[in-house]
């Protein structure tokens, strides 16, 4: 009887040790994946904030230069939207995962999950704040473009770049539609391929630790 009890204790302790080792390895792998996605997010934030700053400068110039009233309104809305995008990504930066070594493993997992869930929400709602608003603003911009002669506008550089004819406006609108659909698709793909699998892994590890 004693031998059987000892064997049971040994088997249980061996199983517990094996589970601890497996959990430690899973956490190590998870941290590597989280660090990798954090680098991608950091580069994305820098890129988007920089592009938005440049976009603000461009539309400030267009607001000053273009004489058409409706297009001026679109330029103003574009500047406001770029400022909103900068705010959005700066706020996203504050939600990045930070290492708290004083926390338990479960606490670190909870922090990682919260930060990744924020990124998931950001990507999942990309159409509503990053694609549809600028598309509508760009359509207003294009519709507002009129005949330069009516305003005695003589900026040859702007006239050579802007789609002033109906055909060019239609082509540009279709191109913008495809562009923003592609943006939505690529962000949804990143959500489903990169972010959600890590959140699922964290959920499984939390369940394993709690059990």
Protein backbone atom coordinates (compact mmCIF):
# COMPACT_ATOMS: atom_id res chain seq x y z
CA UNK A 1 0.00 0.00 0.00
CA UNK A 2 2.80 2.36 0.87
CA UNK A 3 4.61 1.61 -2.40
CA UNK A 4 1.47 2.44 -4.38
CA UNK A 5 1.02 5.75 -2.56
CA UNK A 6 4.65 6.65 -3.19
CA UNK A 7 4.29 5.83 -6.86
CA UNK A 8 1.16 7.98 -7.07
CA UNK A 9 2.95 10.88 -5.38
CA UNK A 10 5.90 10.47 -7.78
CA UNK A 11 3.68 10.32 -10.85
CA UNK A 12 1.67 13.35 -9.75
CA UNK A 13 4.79 15.35 -8.96
CA UNK A 14 6.34 14.39 -12.30
CA UNK A 15 3.19 15.43 -14.11
CA UNK A 16 3.09 18.75 -12.24
CA UNK A 17 6.74 19.42 -13.10
CA UNK A 18 6.08 18.57 -16.75
CA UNK A 19 3.11 20.92 -16.88
CA UNK A 20 5.19 23.69 -15.27
CA UNK A 21 7.94 23.22 -17.84
CA UNK A 22 5.43 23.22 -20.69
CA UNK A 23 3.75 26.34 -19.32
CA UNK A 24 7.10 28.12 -18.96
CA UNK A 25 7.98 27.26 -22.57
CA UNK A 26 4.57 28.43 -23.79
CA UNK A 27 5.01 31.73 -21.94
CA UNK A 28 8.46 32.14 -23.45
CA UNK A 29 7.11 31.51 -26.96
CA UNK A 30 4.17 33.83 -26.31
CA UNK A 31 6.44 36.65 -25.14
CA UNK A 32 8.49 36.26 -28.32
CA UNK A 33 5.35 36.53 -30.46
CA UNK A 34 4.10 39.53 -28.48
CA UNK A 35 7.47 41.28 -28.81
CA UNK A 36 7.41 40.69 -32.55
CA UNK A 37 3.94 42.13 -33.00
CA UNK A 38 4.86 45.05 -30.76
CA UNK A 39 7.69 45.97 -33.12
CA UNK A 40 5.28 45.89 -36.03
CA UNK A 41 2.80 48.08 -34.14
CA UNK A 42 5.53 50.55 -33.19
CA UNK A 43 6.66 50.89 -36.82
CA UNK A 44 3.05 51.26 -37.94
CA UNK A 45 2.37 54.04 -35.43
CA UNK A 46 5.48 55.98 -36.49
CA UNK A 47 4.58 55.55 -40.15
CA UNK A 48 0.95 56.61 -39.72
CA UNK A 49 1.73 59.62 -37.52
CA UNK A 50 4.43 60.80 -39.93
CA UNK A 51 2.17 60.34 -42.97
CA UNK A 52 -0.65 62.18 -41.22
CA UNK A 53 1.64 65.10 -40.38
CA UNK A 54 2.70 65.34 -44.03
CA UNK A 55 -0.94 65.05 -45.10
CA UNK A 56 -1.88 67.96 -42.86
CA UNK A 57 0.79 70.14 -44.46
CA UNK A 58 -0.33 69.20 -47.97
CA UNK A 59 -3.98 69.99 -47.30
CA UNK A 60 -3.06 73.22 -45.54
CA UNK A 61 -1.37 74.27 -48.77
CA UNK A 62 -4.37 73.14 -50.84
CA UNK A 63 -6.71 75.00 -48.49
CA UNK A 64 -4.71 78.14 -49.10
CA UNK A 65 -4.22 77.64 -52.83
CA UNK A 66 -7.47 76.16 -54.20
CA UNK A 67 -10.23 78.74 -54.74
CA UNK A 68 -13.26 76.41 -54.87
CA UNK A 69 -15.40 76.79 -51.69
CA UNK A 70 -16.58 73.16 -51.40
CA UNK A 71 -13.06 71.88 -51.94
CA UNK A 72 -11.81 74.26 -49.25
CA UNK A 73 -14.32 72.71 -46.85
CA UNK A 74 -13.02 69.24 -47.79
CA UNK A 75 -9.45 70.41 -47.18
CA UNK A 76 -10.41 71.65 -43.72
CA UNK A 77 -12.11 68.34 -42.94
CA UNK A 78 -9.03 66.47 -44.15
CA UNK A 79 -6.81 68.46 -41.79
CA UNK A 80 -9.15 67.67 -38.91
CA UNK A 81 -9.19 63.98 -39.87
CA UNK A 82 -5.37 63.81 -40.03
CA UNK A 83 -5.21 65.40 -36.58
CA UNK A 84 -7.68 62.78 -35.33
CA UNK A 85 -5.55 59.96 -36.80
CA UNK A 86 -2.47 61.31 -35.03
CA UNK A 87 -4.43 61.45 -31.77
CA UNK A 88 -5.73 57.92 -32.35
CA UNK A 89 -2.30 56.41 -32.87
CA UNK A 90 -0.75 58.42 -30.05
CA UNK A 91 -3.47 57.05 -27.79
CA UNK A 92 -2.73 53.58 -29.16
CA UNK A 93 0.90 54.05 -28.17
CA UNK A 94 -0.15 54.53 -24.55
CA UNK A 95 -1.91 51.17 -24.71
CA UNK A 96 1.24 49.26 -25.70
CA UNK A 97 2.29 46.27 -23.68
CA UNK A 98 4.82 47.06 -20.99
CA UNK A 99 6.74 44.52 -18.97
CA UNK A 100 5.84 44.41 -15.29
CA UNK A 101 8.28 41.94 -13.80
CA UNK A 102 6.74 42.40 -10.37
CA UNK A 103 3.45 40.94 -11.60
CA UNK A 104 2.57 37.27 -11.50
CA UNK A 105 2.45 35.26 -14.71
CA UNK A 106 -1.33 35.58 -14.72
CA UNK A 107 -1.03 39.34 -14.22
CA UNK A 108 1.40 39.67 -17.13
CA UNK A 109 -0.92 37.62 -19.32
CA UNK A 110 -3.85 39.88 -18.38
CA UNK A 111 -1.82 42.99 -19.30
CA UNK A 112 -0.80 41.47 -22.63
CA UNK A 113 -4.37 40.45 -23.39
CA UNK A 114 -5.74 43.93 -22.58
CA UNK A 115 -3.19 45.66 -24.82
CA UNK A 116 -3.73 43.20 -27.67
CA UNK A 117 -7.49 43.51 -27.33
CA UNK A 118 -7.11 47.26 -27.76
CA UNK A 119 -5.20 46.65 -31.00
CA UNK A 120 -7.84 44.15 -32.10
CA UNK A 121 -10.59 46.73 -31.56
CA UNK A 122 -8.53 49.29 -33.46
CA UNK A 123 -8.13 47.00 -36.46
CA UNK A 124 -11.69 45.70 -36.34
CA UNK A 125 -13.14 49.23 -36.53
CA UNK A 126 -10.70 50.44 -39.19
CA UNK A 127 -13.45 51.01 -41.74
CA UNK A 128 -15.37 53.41 -39.52
CA UNK A 129 -12.55 55.78 -38.56
CA UNK A 130 -9.72 55.22 -41.07
CA UNK A 131 -11.34 54.34 -44.42
CA UNK A 132 -14.90 55.61 -44.79
CA UNK A 133 -14.39 59.19 -43.43
CA UNK A 134 -11.44 60.09 -45.70
CA UNK A 135 -13.16 58.46 -48.69
CA UNK A 136 -16.22 60.66 -48.18
CA UNK A 137 -14.03 63.73 -47.65
CA UNK A 138 -12.08 62.96 -50.84
CA UNK A 139 -15.34 62.61 -52.76
CA UNK A 140 -16.43 66.04 -51.51
CA UNK A 141 -13.00 67.37 -52.49
CA UNK A 142 -13.40 66.01 -56.04
CA UNK A 143 -16.98 67.21 -56.43
CA UNK A 144 -15.94 70.68 -55.33
CA UNK A 145 -13.33 71.07 -58.05
CA UNK A 146 -14.64 73.48 -60.67
CA UNK A 147 -13.45 75.48 -63.63
CA UNK A 148 -10.26 77.43 -62.77
CA UNK A 149 -11.24 80.15 -65.24
CA UNK A 150 -14.33 80.99 -63.18
CA UNK A 151 -12.05 81.99 -60.32
CA UNK A 152 -9.22 83.31 -62.46
CA UNK A 153 -6.99 80.62 -60.98
CA UNK A 154 -3.67 80.33 -62.73
CA UNK A 155 -1.69 77.78 -60.67
CA UNK A 156 -0.49 75.51 -63.48
CA UNK A 157 1.12 72.96 -61.12
CA UNK A 158 -2.07 72.36 -59.14
CA UNK A 159 -4.17 72.30 -62.32
CA UNK A 160 -1.89 69.68 -63.85
CA UNK A 161 -2.21 67.40 -60.81
CA UNK A 162 -5.86 67.82 -59.81
CA UNK A 163 -8.58 65.82 -61.63
CA UNK A 164 -10.64 68.71 -62.95
CA UNK A 165 -12.61 66.90 -65.66
CA UNK A 166 -15.62 64.65 -65.03
CA UNK A 167 -13.86 61.57 -66.42
CA UNK A 168 -10.82 62.08 -64.22
CA UNK A 169 -13.04 62.60 -61.18
CA UNK A 170 -14.85 59.30 -61.86
CA UNK A 171 -11.58 57.41 -62.39
CA UNK A 172 -10.07 58.93 -59.24
CA UNK A 173 -13.15 58.09 -57.17
CA UNK A 174 -13.08 54.45 -58.35
CA UNK A 175 -9.36 54.27 -57.60
CA UNK A 176 -9.91 55.67 -54.11
CA UNK A 177 -12.71 53.16 -53.48
CA UNK A 178 -10.43 50.24 -54.37
CA UNK A 179 -7.63 51.76 -52.28
CA UNK A 180 -9.73 52.06 -49.11
CA UNK A 181 -11.27 48.60 -49.60
CA UNK A 182 -7.71 47.26 -49.78
CA UNK A 183 -6.83 49.10 -46.55
CA UNK A 184 -9.82 47.52 -44.79
CA UNK A 185 -8.91 44.07 -46.12
CA UNK A 186 -5.24 44.23 -45.14
CA UNK A 187 -6.09 45.38 -41.61
CA UNK A 188 -8.76 42.69 -41.18
CA UNK A 189 -6.19 40.16 -42.39
CA UNK A 190 -3.67 41.37 -39.81
CA UNK A 191 -6.37 41.11 -37.14
CA UNK A 192 -7.28 37.52 -37.99
CA UNK A 193 -3.78 36.30 -38.80
CA UNK A 194 -1.64 38.02 -36.18
CA UNK A 195 -3.58 39.50 -33.27
CA UNK A 196 -6.50 37.14 -32.65
CA UNK A 197 -4.36 33.95 -32.56
CA UNK A 198 -2.19 35.47 -29.80
CA UNK A 199 -5.28 36.48 -27.81
CA UNK A 200 -6.59 32.93 -28.20
CA UNK A 201 -3.26 31.57 -26.97
CA UNK A 202 -3.41 33.84 -23.91
CA UNK A 203 -6.96 32.67 -23.18
CA UNK A 204 -5.84 29.02 -23.33
CA UNK A 205 -2.85 29.68 -21.08
CA UNK A 206 -5.02 31.51 -18.55
CA UNK A 207 -7.39 28.55 -18.50
CA UNK A 208 -4.48 26.15 -18.06
CA UNK A 209 -3.03 28.18 -15.19
CA UNK A 210 -6.38 28.55 -13.45
CA UNK A 211 -7.10 24.85 -13.77
